[in-house]
Amino acid sequence: MPSLREKKRYLAFEVITDGNPASHEVDSSIRRGLLRYLGTLGTAKAGASVMKDQYDTQSRKGIIRVAHTSTDQVSASLALINEVGSRKAMIRTVGASGILKKARDNYLKKDERC
């Protein structure tokens, strides 16, 4: 039933580091960070999953699908990550949306003002 389905949010994030880390490095770093700061139960409740087809290695931006009740916890966990792969890095939450298309259009577009 649709009423029993979990509501979701899409968190757009940006990796700030030297070089362009691969999507599998970003994915594993985010999973480790979530487990480290939320624990196993918190990570399971958050239902966070990195959308691999939405990560761009050139702009270093991507989208994570999260349960709507855990957006703040996941965003805080991302801020506490300090390493991606073997490089020092920061992961910054750019924004959140309830619709994937709007998250992609609003937060993943390249900055055209420059």
PDB file of N, CA and C in Angstrom:
ATOM      1  N   MET A   1       0.833  -1.190   0.000  1.00  0.00           N
ATOM      2  CA  MET A   1       0.000   0.000   0.000  1.00  0.00           C
ATOM      3  C   MET A   1       0.877   1.253   0.000  1.00  0.00           C
ATOM      4  N   PRO A   2       0.463   2.258  -0.726  1.00  0.00           N
ATOM      5  CA  PRO A   2       1.257   3.489  -0.745  1.00  0.00           C
ATOM      6  C   PRO A   2       1.354   4.159   0.618  1.00  0.00           C
ATOM      7  N   SER A   3       0.363   3.986   1.480  1.00  0.00           N
ATOM      8  CA  SER A   3       0.419   4.640   2.784  1.00  0.00           C
ATOM      9  C   SER A   3       1.469   4.029   3.701  1.00  0.00           C
ATOM     10  N   LEU A   4       1.903   2.808   3.422  1.00  0.00           N
ATOM     11  CA  LEU A   4       2.917   2.149   4.239  1.00  0.00           C
ATOM     12  C   LEU A   4       4.331   2.349   3.693  1.00  0.00           C
ATOM     13  N   ARG A   5       4.420   2.930   2.519  1.00  0.00           N
ATOM     14  CA  ARG A   5       5.719   3.127   1.898  1.00  0.00           C
ATOM     15  C   ARG A   5       6.496   4.228   2.637  1.00  0.00           C
ATOM     16  N   GLU A   6       7.792   4.036   2.742  1.00  0.00           N
ATOM     17  CA  GLU A   6       8.645   4.996   3.425  1.00  0.00           C
ATOM     18  C   GLU A   6       8.796   6.258   2.582  1.00  0.00           C
ATOM     19  N   LYS A   7       8.619   7.422   3.203  1.00  0.00           N
ATOM     20  CA  LYS A   7       8.827   8.680   2.494  1.00  0.00           C
ATOM     21  C   LYS A   7      10.328   8.922   2.381  1.00  0.00           C
ATOM     22  N   LYS A   8      10.736   9.513   1.277  1.00  0.00           N
ATOM     23  CA  LYS A   8      12.159   9.679   1.041  1.00  0.00           C
ATOM     24  C   LYS A   8      12.490  11.124   0.693  1.00  0.00           C
ATOM     25  N   ARG A   9      13.740  11.469   0.922  1.00  0.00           N
ATOM     26  CA  ARG A   9      14.291  12.752   0.531  1.00  0.00           C
ATOM     27  C   ARG A   9      15.577  12.488  -0.231  1.00  0.00           C
ATOM     28  N   TYR A  10      15.939  13.426  -1.049  1.00  0.00           N
ATOM     29  CA  TYR A  10      17.162  13.318  -1.826  1.00  0.00           C
ATOM     30  C   TYR A  10      18.112  14.419  -1.383  1.00  0.00           C
ATOM     31  N   LEU A  11      19.253  14.025  -0.816  1.00  0.00           N
ATOM     32  CA  LEU A  11      20.274  14.965  -0.371  1.00  0.00           C
ATOM     33  C   LEU A  11      21.337  15.095  -1.452  1.00  0.00           C
ATOM     34  N   ALA A  12      21.550  16.300  -1.916  1.00  0.00           N
ATOM     35  CA  ALA A  12      22.623  16.557  -2.870  1.00  0.00           C
ATOM     36  C   ALA A  12      23.877  16.899  -2.074  1.00  0.00           C
ATOM     37  N   PHE A  13      25.008  16.325  -2.486  1.00  0.00           N
ATOM     38  CA  PHE A  13      26.253  16.557  -1.765  1.00  0.00           C
ATOM     39  C   PHE A  13      27.359  16.896  -2.735  1.00  0.00           C
ATOM     40  N   GLU A  14      28.414  17.485  -2.178  1.00  0.00           N
ATOM     41  CA  GLU A  14      29.590  17.854  -2.956  1.00  0.00           C
ATOM     42  C   GLU A  14      30.822  17.392  -2.200  1.00  0.00           C
ATOM     43  N   VAL A  15      31.742  16.758  -2.900  1.00  0.00           N
ATOM     44  CA  VAL A  15      32.995  16.306  -2.309  1.00  0.00           C
ATOM     45  C   VAL A  15      34.047  17.371  -2.596  1.00  0.00           C
ATOM     46  N   ILE A  16      34.664  17.878  -1.537  1.00  0.00           N
ATOM     47  CA  ILE A  16      35.691  18.906  -1.674  1.00  0.00           C
ATOM     48  C   ILE A  16      37.045  18.253  -1.386  1.00  0.00           C
ATOM     49  N   THR A  17      37.843  18.066  -2.438  1.00  0.00           N
ATOM     50  CA  THR A  17      39.139  17.403  -2.315  1.00  0.00           C
ATOM     51  C   THR A  17      39.992  17.718  -3.535  1.00  0.00           C
ATOM     52  N   ASP A  18      41.249  17.339  -3.469  1.00  0.00           N
ATOM     53  CA  ASP A  18      42.122  17.421  -4.638  1.00  0.00           C
ATOM     54  C   ASP A  18      41.858  16.200  -5.501  1.00  0.00           C
ATOM     55  N   GLY A  19      41.823  16.377  -6.798  1.00  0.00           N
ATOM     56  CA  GLY A  19      41.587  15.260  -7.705  1.00  0.00           C
ATOM     57  C   GLY A  19      40.099  14.949  -7.830  1.00  0.00           C
ATOM     58  N   ASN A  20      39.820  13.899  -8.570  1.00  0.00           N
ATOM     59  CA  ASN A  20      38.444  13.462  -8.799  1.00  0.00           C
ATOM     60  C   ASN A  20      38.287  12.025  -8.312  1.00  0.00           C
ATOM     61  N   PRO A  21      37.754  11.821  -7.110  1.00  0.00           N
ATOM     62  CA  PRO A  21      37.588  10.455  -6.611  1.00  0.00           C
ATOM     63  C   PRO A  21      36.527   9.703  -7.405  1.00  0.00           C
ATOM     64  N   ALA A  22      36.721   8.412  -7.544  1.00  0.00           N
ATOM     65  CA  ALA A  22      35.771   7.562  -8.262  1.00  0.00           C
ATOM     66  C   ALA A  22      34.507   7.380  -7.426  1.00  0.00           C
ATOM     67  N   SER A  23      33.448   6.981  -8.081  1.00  0.00           N
ATOM     68  CA  SER A  23      32.168   6.836  -7.383  1.00  0.00           C
ATOM     69  C   SER A  23      32.218   5.746  -6.319  1.00  0.00           C
ATOM     70  N   HIS A  24      32.971   4.674  -6.554  1.00  0.00           N
ATOM     71  CA  HIS A  24      33.035   3.615  -5.549  1.00  0.00           C
ATOM     72  C   HIS A  24      33.787   4.069  -4.301  1.00  0.00           C
ATOM     73  N   GLU A  25      34.767   4.967  -4.456  1.00  0.00           N
ATOM     74  CA  GLU A  25      35.467   5.512  -3.293  1.00  0.00           C
ATOM     75  C   GLU A  25      34.549   6.396  -2.462  1.00  0.00           C
ATOM     76  N   VAL A  26      33.772   7.221  -3.132  1.00  0.00           N
ATOM     77  CA  VAL A  26      32.825   8.096  -2.435  1.00  0.00           C
ATOM     78  C   VAL A  26      31.765   7.260  -1.739  1.00  0.00           C
ATOM     79  N   ASP A  27      31.255   6.253  -2.428  1.00  0.00           N
ATOM     80  CA  ASP A  27      30.221   5.385  -1.865  1.00  0.00           C
ATOM     81  C   ASP A  27      30.712   4.683  -0.604  1.00  0.00           C
ATOM     82  N   SER A  28      31.909   4.107  -0.654  1.00  0.00           N
ATOM     83  CA  SER A  28      32.421   3.391   0.514  1.00  0.00           C
ATOM     84  C   SER A  28      32.736   4.346   1.665  1.00  0.00           C
ATOM     85  N   SER A  29      33.213   5.548   1.370  1.00  0.00           N
ATOM     86  CA  SER A  29      33.490   6.520   2.425  1.00  0.00           C
ATOM     87  C   SER A  29      32.205   6.978   3.106  1.00  0.00           C
ATOM     88  N   ILE A  30      31.167   7.173   2.326  1.00  0.00           N
ATOM     89  CA  ILE A  30      29.884   7.590   2.909  1.00  0.00           C
ATOM     90  C   ILE A  30      29.298   6.471   3.754  1.00  0.00           C
ATOM     91  N   ARG A  31      29.354   5.246   3.272  1.00  0.00           N
ATOM     92  CA  ARG A  31      28.845   4.115   4.061  1.00  0.00           C
ATOM     93  C   ARG A  31      29.611   3.960   5.380  1.00  0.00           C
ATOM     94  N   ARG A  32      30.944   4.075   5.327  1.00  0.00           N
ATOM     95  CA  ARG A  32      31.745   3.983   6.554  1.00  0.00           C
ATOM     96  C   ARG A  32      31.423   5.121   7.509  1.00  0.00           C
ATOM     97  N   GLY A  33      31.245   6.326   6.971  1.00  0.00           N
ATOM     98  CA  GLY A  33      30.913   7.477   7.812  1.00  0.00           C
ATOM     99  C   GLY A  33      29.562   7.332   8.487  1.00  0.00           C
ATOM    100  N   LEU A  34      28.586   6.828   7.739  1.00  0.00           N
ATOM    101  CA  LEU A  34      27.263   6.613   8.330  1.00  0.00           C
ATOM    102  C   LEU A  34      27.317   5.560   9.425  1.00  0.00           C
ATOM    103  N   LEU A  35      28.027   4.473   9.176  1.00  0.00           N
ATOM    104  CA  LEU A  35      28.147   3.430  10.201  1.00  0.00           C
ATOM    105  C   LEU A  35      28.899   3.944  11.426  1.00  0.00           C
ATOM    106  N   ARG A  36      29.909   4.761  11.209  1.00  0.00           N
ATOM    107  CA  ARG A  36      30.710   5.270  12.312  1.00  0.00           C
ATOM    108  C   ARG A  36      29.907   6.222  13.194  1.00  0.00           C
ATOM    109  N   TYR A  37      29.118   7.103  12.598  1.00  0.00           N
ATOM    110  CA  TYR A  37      28.454   8.142  13.373  1.00  0.00           C
ATOM    111  C   TYR A  37      27.006   7.825  13.735  1.00  0.00           C
ATOM    112  N   LEU A  38      26.315   6.997  12.956  1.00  0.00           N
ATOM    113  CA  LEU A  38      24.938   6.641  13.275  1.00  0.00           C
ATOM    114  C   LEU A  38      24.820   5.250  13.874  1.00  0.00           C
ATOM    115  N   GLY A  39      25.811   4.412  13.634  1.00  0.00           N
ATOM    116  CA  GLY A  39      25.727   3.036  14.097  1.00  0.00           C
ATOM    117  C   GLY A  39      24.926   2.197  13.109  1.00  0.00           C
ATOM    118  N   THR A  40      24.861   0.913  13.386  1.00  0.00           N
ATOM    119  CA  THR A  40      24.164  -0.003  12.482  1.00  0.00           C
ATOM    120  C   THR A  40      22.667   0.260  12.465  1.00  0.00           C
ATOM    121  N   LEU A  41      22.071   0.434  13.630  1.00  0.00           N
ATOM    122  CA  LEU A  41      20.629   0.668  13.710  1.00  0.00           C
ATOM    123  C   LEU A  41      20.247   2.002  13.081  1.00  0.00           C
ATOM    124  N   GLY A  42      21.011   3.051  13.361  1.00  0.00           N
ATOM    125  CA  GLY A  42      20.726   4.366  12.789  1.00  0.00           C
ATOM    126  C   GLY A  42      20.860   4.384  11.282  1.00  0.00           C
ATOM    127  N   THR A  43      21.865   3.671  10.778  1.00  0.00           N
ATOM    128  CA  THR A  43      22.052   3.595   9.329  1.00  0.00           C
ATOM    129  C   THR A  43      20.901   2.841   8.676  1.00  0.00           C
ATOM    130  N   ALA A  44      20.453   1.785   9.330  1.00  0.00           N
ATOM    131  CA  ALA A  44      19.324   1.017   8.787  1.00  0.00           C
ATOM    132  C   ALA A  44      18.050   1.854   8.797  1.00  0.00           C
ATOM    133  N   LYS A  45      17.813   2.606   9.855  1.00  0.00           N
ATOM    134  CA  LYS A  45      16.620   3.460   9.925  1.00  0.00           C
ATOM    135  C   LYS A  45      16.670   4.581   8.900  1.00  0.00           C
ATOM    136  N   ALA A  46      17.864   5.089   8.651  1.00  0.00           N
ATOM    137  CA  ALA A  46      18.012   6.173   7.681  1.00  0.00           C
ATOM    138  C   ALA A  46      17.760   5.684   6.260  1.00  0.00           C
ATOM    139  N   GLY A  47      18.046   4.423   5.996  1.00  0.00           N
ATOM    140  CA  GLY A  47      17.835   3.874   4.657  1.00  0.00           C
ATOM    141  C   GLY A  47      18.615   4.617   3.596  1.00  0.00           C
ATOM    142  N   ALA A  48      19.789   5.094   3.936  1.00  0.00           N
ATOM    143  CA  ALA A  48      20.586   5.914   3.017  1.00  0.00           C
ATOM    144  C   ALA A  48      21.237   5.051   1.952  1.00  0.00           C
ATOM    145  N   SER A  49      21.144   5.513   0.733  1.00  0.00           N
ATOM    146  CA  SER A  49      21.828   4.834  -0.366  1.00  0.00           C
ATOM    147  C   SER A  49      22.329   5.878  -1.359  1.00  0.00           C
ATOM    148  N   VAL A  50      23.588   5.759  -1.704  1.00  0.00           N
ATOM    149  CA  VAL A  50      24.185   6.657  -2.693  1.00  0.00           C
ATOM    150  C   VAL A  50      23.700   6.213  -4.058  1.00  0.00           C
ATOM    151  N   MET A  51      23.161   7.137  -4.812  1.00  0.00           N
ATOM    152  CA  MET A  51      22.663   6.826  -6.148  1.00  0.00           C
ATOM    153  C   MET A  51      23.838   6.915  -7.112  1.00  0.00           C
ATOM    154  N   LYS A  52      24.353   5.748  -7.514  1.00  0.00           N
ATOM    155  CA  LYS A  52      25.581   5.690  -8.308  1.00  0.00           C
ATOM    156  C   LYS A  52      25.443   6.353  -9.667  1.00  0.00           C
ATOM    157  N   ASP A  53      24.276   6.290 -10.268  1.00  0.00           N
ATOM    158  CA  ASP A  53      24.094   6.903 -11.580  1.00  0.00           C
ATOM    159  C   ASP A  53      23.933   8.420 -11.497  1.00  0.00           C
ATOM    160  N   GLN A  54      23.815   8.967 -10.277  1.00  0.00           N
ATOM    161  CA  GLN A  54      23.659  10.410 -10.106  1.00  0.00           C
ATOM    162  C   GLN A  54      24.936  11.092  -9.638  1.00  0.00           C
ATOM    163  N   TYR A  55      26.052  10.358  -9.531  1.00  0.00           N
ATOM    164  CA  TYR A  55      27.314  10.960  -9.112  1.00  0.00           C
ATOM    165  C   TYR A  55      28.138  11.335 -10.324  1.00  0.00           C
ATOM    166  N   ASP A  56      28.609  12.582 -10.366  1.00  0.00           N
ATOM    167  CA  ASP A  56      29.428  13.079 -11.466  1.00  0.00           C
ATOM    168  C   ASP A  56      30.860  13.265 -10.959  1.00  0.00           C
ATOM    169  N   THR A  57      31.811  12.552 -11.561  1.00  0.00           N
ATOM    170  CA  THR A  57      33.190  12.616 -11.088  1.00  0.00           C
ATOM    171  C   THR A  57      33.862  13.944 -11.430  1.00  0.00           C
ATOM    172  N   GLN A  58      33.442  14.611 -12.479  1.00  0.00           N
ATOM    173  CA  GLN A  58      34.056  15.881 -12.857  1.00  0.00           C
ATOM    174  C   GLN A  58      33.673  17.003 -11.902  1.00  0.00           C
ATOM    175  N   SER A  59      32.384  17.132 -11.601  1.00  0.00           N
ATOM    176  CA  SER A  59      31.941  18.189 -10.683  1.00  0.00           C
ATOM    177  C   SER A  59      31.993  17.743  -9.233  1.00  0.00           C
ATOM    178  N   ARG A  60      32.206  16.435  -9.005  1.00  0.00           N
ATOM    179  CA  ARG A  60      32.272  15.838  -7.668  1.00  0.00           C
ATOM    180  C   ARG A  60      31.004  16.079  -6.870  1.00  0.00           C
ATOM    181  N   LYS A  61      29.857  15.986  -7.541  1.00  0.00           N
ATOM    182  CA  LYS A  61      28.567  16.154  -6.890  1.00  0.00           C
ATOM    183  C   LYS A  61      27.731  14.904  -7.097  1.00  0.00           C
ATOM    184  N   GLY A  62      26.854  14.614  -6.138  1.00  0.00           N
ATOM    185  CA  GLY A  62      26.011  13.437  -6.236  1.00  0.00           C
ATOM    186  C   GLY A  62      24.775  13.561  -5.370  1.00  0.00           C
ATOM    187  N   ILE A  63      23.984  12.492  -5.341  1.00  0.00           N
ATOM    188  CA  ILE A  63      22.721  12.478  -4.603  1.00  0.00           C
ATOM    189  C   ILE A  63      22.641  11.210  -3.763  1.00  0.00           C
ATOM    190  N   ILE A  64      22.134  11.370  -2.547  1.00  0.00           N
ATOM    191  CA  ILE A  64      21.882  10.251  -1.643  1.00  0.00           C
ATOM    192  C   ILE A  64      20.392  10.209  -1.362  1.00  0.00           C
ATOM    193  N   ARG A  65      19.802   9.024  -1.440  1.00  0.00           N
ATOM    194  CA  ARG A  65      18.395   8.850  -1.078  1.00  0.00           C
ATOM    195  C   ARG A  65      18.319   8.476   0.398  1.00  0.00           C
ATOM    196  N   VAL A  66      17.457   9.185   1.157  1.00  0.00           N
ATOM    197  CA  VAL A  66      17.392   9.036   2.608  1.00  0.00           C
ATOM    198  C   VAL A  66      15.929   9.028   3.050  1.00  0.00           C
ATOM    199  N   ALA A  67      15.635   8.384   4.173  1.00  0.00           N
ATOM    200  CA  ALA A  67      14.304   8.461   4.773  1.00  0.00           C
ATOM    201  C   ALA A  67      14.069   9.897   5.251  1.00  0.00           C
ATOM    202  N   HIS A  68      12.835  10.371   5.157  1.00  0.00           N
ATOM    203  CA  HIS A  68      12.563  11.774   5.466  1.00  0.00           C
ATOM    204  C   HIS A  68      12.785  12.119   6.936  1.00  0.00           C
ATOM    205  N   THR A  69      12.777  11.133   7.813  1.00  0.00           N
ATOM    206  CA  THR A  69      12.988  11.394   9.231  1.00  0.00           C
ATOM    207  C   THR A  69      14.465  11.491   9.598  1.00  0.00           C
ATOM    208  N   SER A  70      15.355  11.120   8.692  1.00  0.00           N
ATOM    209  CA  SER A  70      16.785  11.037   9.014  1.00  0.00           C
ATOM    210  C   SER A  70      17.642  12.001   8.214  1.00  0.00           C
ATOM    211  N   THR A  71      17.070  13.005   7.590  1.00  0.00           N
ATOM    212  CA  THR A  71      17.874  13.894   6.756  1.00  0.00           C
ATOM    213  C   THR A  71      18.907  14.659   7.581  1.00  0.00           C
ATOM    214  N   ASP A  72      18.538  15.112   8.767  1.00  0.00           N
ATOM    215  CA  ASP A  72      19.477  15.869   9.588  1.00  0.00           C
ATOM    216  C   ASP A  72      20.637  15.007  10.068  1.00  0.00           C
ATOM    217  N   GLN A  73      20.331  13.774  10.481  1.00  0.00           N
ATOM    218  CA  GLN A  73      21.382  12.883  10.966  1.00  0.00           C
ATOM    219  C   GLN A  73      22.358  12.520   9.850  1.00  0.00           C
ATOM    220  N   VAL A  74      21.841  12.237   8.667  1.00  0.00           N
ATOM    221  CA  VAL A  74      22.712  11.876   7.541  1.00  0.00           C
ATOM    222  C   VAL A  74      23.549  13.080   7.118  1.00  0.00           C
ATOM    223  N   SER A  75      22.953  14.248   7.110  1.00  0.00           N
ATOM    224  CA  SER A  75      23.693  15.454   6.750  1.00  0.00           C
ATOM    225  C   SER A  75      24.822  15.720   7.747  1.00  0.00           C
ATOM    226  N   ALA A  76      24.553  15.524   9.026  1.00  0.00           N
ATOM    227  CA  ALA A  76      25.602  15.690  10.041  1.00  0.00           C
ATOM    228  C   ALA A  76      26.700  14.645   9.876  1.00  0.00           C
ATOM    229  N   SER A  77      26.332  13.423   9.539  1.00  0.00           N
ATOM    230  CA  SER A  77      27.319  12.367   9.325  1.00  0.00           C
ATOM    231  C   SER A  77      28.217  12.682   8.138  1.00  0.00           C
ATOM    232  N   LEU A  78      27.639  13.254   7.086  1.00  0.00           N
ATOM    233  CA  LEU A  78      28.439  13.626   5.920  1.00  0.00           C
ATOM    234  C   LEU A  78      29.443  14.715   6.277  1.00  0.00           C
ATOM    235  N   ALA A  79      29.034  15.634   7.123  1.00  0.00           N
ATOM    236  CA  ALA A  79      29.927  16.727   7.502  1.00  0.00           C
ATOM    237  C   ALA A  79      31.114  16.230   8.320  1.00  0.00           C
ATOM    238  N   LEU A  80      30.973  15.094   8.988  1.00  0.00           N
ATOM    239  CA  LEU A  80      32.038  14.573   9.831  1.00  0.00           C
ATOM    240  C   LEU A  80      33.025  13.676   9.091  1.00  0.00           C
ATOM    241  N   ILE A  81      32.758  13.376   7.836  1.00  0.00           N
ATOM    242  CA  ILE A  81      33.678  12.560   7.036  1.00  0.00           C
ATOM    243  C   ILE A  81      34.864  13.433   6.628  1.00  0.00           C
ATOM    244  N   ASN A  82      36.090  12.919   6.823  1.00  0.00           N
ATOM    245  CA  ASN A  82      37.267  13.712   6.498  1.00  0.00           C
ATOM    246  C   ASN A  82      38.236  13.005   5.550  1.00  0.00           C
ATOM    247  N   GLU A  83      37.806  11.890   4.962  1.00  0.00           N
ATOM    248  CA  GLU A  83      38.689  11.171   4.050  1.00  0.00           C
ATOM    249  C   GLU A  83      37.849  10.418   3.015  1.00  0.00           C
ATOM    250  N   VAL A  84      38.234  10.542   1.760  1.00  0.00           N
ATOM    251  CA  VAL A  84      37.600   9.799   0.672  1.00  0.00           C
ATOM    252  C   VAL A  84      38.704   9.050  -0.046  1.00  0.00           C
ATOM    253  N   GLY A  85      38.616   7.728  -0.040  1.00  0.00           N
ATOM    254  CA  GLY A  85      39.701   6.927  -0.581  1.00  0.00           C
ATOM    255  C   GLY A  85      40.916   7.082   0.316  1.00  0.00           C
ATOM    256  N   SER A  86      42.002   7.553  -0.239  1.00  0.00           N
ATOM    257  CA  SER A  86      43.204   7.794   0.567  1.00  0.00           C
ATOM    258  C   SER A  86      43.522   9.286   0.660  1.00  0.00           C
ATOM    259  N   ARG A  87      42.592  10.134   0.198  1.00  0.00           N
ATOM    260  CA  ARG A  87      42.814  11.581   0.192  1.00  0.00           C
ATOM    261  C   ARG A  87      42.037  12.248   1.323  1.00  0.00           C
ATOM    262  N   LYS A  88      42.567  13.350   1.816  1.00  0.00           N
ATOM    263  CA  LYS A  88      41.825  14.197   2.740  1.00  0.00           C
ATOM    264  C   LYS A  88      40.693  14.844   1.965  1.00  0.00           C
ATOM    265  N   ALA A  89      39.508  14.883   2.563  1.00  0.00           N
ATOM    266  CA  ALA A  89      38.356  15.422   1.850  1.00  0.00           C
ATOM    267  C   ALA A  89      37.290  15.879   2.826  1.00  0.00           C
ATOM    268  N   MET A  90      36.383  16.680   2.320  1.00  0.00           N
ATOM    269  CA  MET A  90      35.183  17.085   3.046  1.00  0.00           C
ATOM    270  C   MET A  90      33.993  16.760   2.169  1.00  0.00           C
ATOM    271  N   ILE A  91      32.876  16.387   2.795  1.00  0.00           N
ATOM    272  CA  ILE A  91      31.637  16.195   2.041  1.00  0.00           C
ATOM    273  C   ILE A  91      30.633  17.194   2.584  1.00  0.00           C
ATOM    274  N   ARG A  92      30.144  18.041   1.707  1.00  0.00           N
ATOM    275  CA  ARG A  92      29.242  19.121   2.082  1.00  0.00           C
ATOM    276  C   ARG A  92      27.869  18.851   1.494  1.00  0.00           C
ATOM    277  N   THR A  93      26.832  18.999   2.319  1.00  0.00           N
ATOM    278  CA  THR A  93      25.470  18.862   1.828  1.00  0.00           C
ATOM    279  C   THR A  93      25.078  20.157   1.132  1.00  0.00           C
ATOM    280  N   VAL A  94      24.663  20.047  -0.117  1.00  0.00           N
ATOM    281  CA  VAL A  94      24.316  21.216  -0.907  1.00  0.00           C
ATOM    282  C   VAL A  94      22.848  21.572  -0.714  1.00  0.00           C
ATOM    283  N   GLY A  95      21.966  20.563  -0.650  1.00  0.00           N
ATOM    284  CA  GLY A  95      20.547  20.819  -0.481  1.00  0.00           C
ATOM    285  C   GLY A  95      19.768  19.526  -0.391  1.00  0.00           C
ATOM    286  N   ALA A  96      18.474  19.664  -0.144  1.00  0.00           N
ATOM    287  CA  ALA A  96      17.596  18.508  -0.026  1.00  0.00           C
ATOM    288  C   ALA A  96      16.315  18.768  -0.798  1.00  0.00           C
ATOM    289  N   SER A  97      15.734  17.691  -1.309  1.00  0.00           N
ATOM    290  CA  SER A  97      14.488  17.802  -2.055  1.00  0.00           C
ATOM    291  C   SER A  97      13.702  16.515  -1.902  1.00  0.00           C
ATOM    292  N   GLY A  98      12.420  16.595  -2.099  1.00  0.00           N
ATOM    293  CA  GLY A  98      11.568  15.414  -2.048  1.00  0.00           C
ATOM    294  C   GLY A  98      11.404  14.762  -3.405  1.00  0.00           C
ATOM    295  N   ILE A  99      11.886  15.432  -4.459  1.00  0.00           N
ATOM    296  CA  ILE A  99      11.735  14.929  -5.820  1.00  0.00           C
ATOM    297  C   ILE A  99      13.120  14.849  -6.463  1.00  0.00           C
ATOM    298  N   LEU A 100      13.445  13.703  -7.022  1.00  0.00           N
ATOM    299  CA  LEU A 100      14.767  13.485  -7.602  1.00  0.00           C
ATOM    300  C   LEU A 100      15.067  14.470  -8.724  1.00  0.00           C
ATOM    301  N   LYS A 101      14.130  14.717  -9.601  1.00  0.00           N
ATOM    302  CA  LYS A 101      14.358  15.615 -10.732  1.00  0.00           C
ATOM    303  C   LYS A 101      14.689  17.031 -10.262  1.00  0.00           C
ATOM    304  N   LYS A 102      13.989  17.504  -9.244  1.00  0.00           N
ATOM    305  CA  LYS A 102      14.271  18.848  -8.736  1.00  0.00           C
ATOM    306  C   LYS A 102      15.615  18.899  -8.025  1.00  0.00           C
ATOM    307  N   ALA A 103      15.979  17.839  -7.313  1.00  0.00           N
ATOM    308  CA  ALA A 103      17.288  17.806  -6.674  1.00  0.00           C
ATOM    309  C   ALA A 103      18.382  17.846  -7.731  1.00  0.00           C
ATOM    310  N   ARG A 104      18.204  17.095  -8.796  1.00  0.00           N
ATOM    311  CA  ARG A 104      19.190  17.067  -9.878  1.00  0.00           C
ATOM    312  C   ARG A 104      19.281  18.421 -10.573  1.00  0.00           C
ATOM    313  N   ASP A 105      18.132  19.011 -10.889  1.00  0.00           N
ATOM    314  CA  ASP A 105      18.122  20.279 -11.618  1.00  0.00           C
ATOM    315  C   ASP A 105      18.633  21.443 -10.764  1.00  0.00           C
ATOM    316  N   ASN A 106      18.253  21.484  -9.487  1.00  0.00           N
ATOM    317  CA  ASN A 106      18.611  22.622  -8.640  1.00  0.00           C
ATOM    318  C   ASN A 106      20.016  22.556  -8.073  1.00  0.00           C
ATOM    319  N   TYR A 107      20.518  21.363  -7.779  1.00  0.00           N
ATOM    320  CA  TYR A 107      21.765  21.265  -7.034  1.00  0.00           C
ATOM    321  C   TYR A 107      22.931  20.658  -7.800  1.00  0.00           C
ATOM    322  N   LEU A 108      22.688  19.916  -8.865  1.00  0.00           N
ATOM    323  CA  LEU A 108      23.792  19.264  -9.564  1.00  0.00           C
ATOM    324  C   LEU A 108      24.229  19.965 -10.832  1.00  0.00           C
ATOM    325  N   LYS A 109      23.497  20.990 -11.250  1.00  0.00           N
ATOM    326  CA  LYS A 109      23.905  21.722 -12.441  1.00  0.00           C
ATOM    327  C   LYS A 109      25.210  22.454 -12.177  1.00  0.00           C
ATOM    328  N   LYS A 110      25.996  22.581 -13.216  1.00  0.00           N
ATOM    329  CA  LYS A 110      27.252  23.331 -13.100  1.00  0.00           C
ATOM    330  C   LYS A 110      26.915  24.813 -12.956  1.00  0.00           C
ATOM    331  N   ASP A 111      27.775  25.518 -12.273  1.00  0.00           N
ATOM    332  CA  ASP A 111      27.568  26.955 -12.047  1.00  0.00           C
ATOM    333  C   ASP A 111      27.786  27.693 -13.354  1.00  0.00           C
ATOM    334  N   GLU A 112      26.721  28.266 -13.912  1.00  0.00           N
ATOM    335  CA  GLU A 112      26.801  28.926 -15.216  1.00  0.00           C
ATOM    336  C   GLU A 112      27.057  30.421 -15.113  1.00  0.00           C
ATOM    337  N   ARG A 113      27.192  30.963 -13.892  1.00  0.00           N
ATOM    338  CA  ARG A 113      27.398  32.374 -13.718  1.00  0.00           C
ATOM    339  C   ARG A 113      28.822  32.803 -14.047  1.00  0.00           C
ATOM    340  N   CYS A 114      29.776  31.903 -13.982  1.00  0.00           N
ATOM    341  CA  CYS A 114      31.186  32.258 -14.215  1.00  0.00           C
ATOM    342  C   CYS A 114      31.510  32.367 -15.682  1.00  0.00           C
TER     343      CYS A 114
END
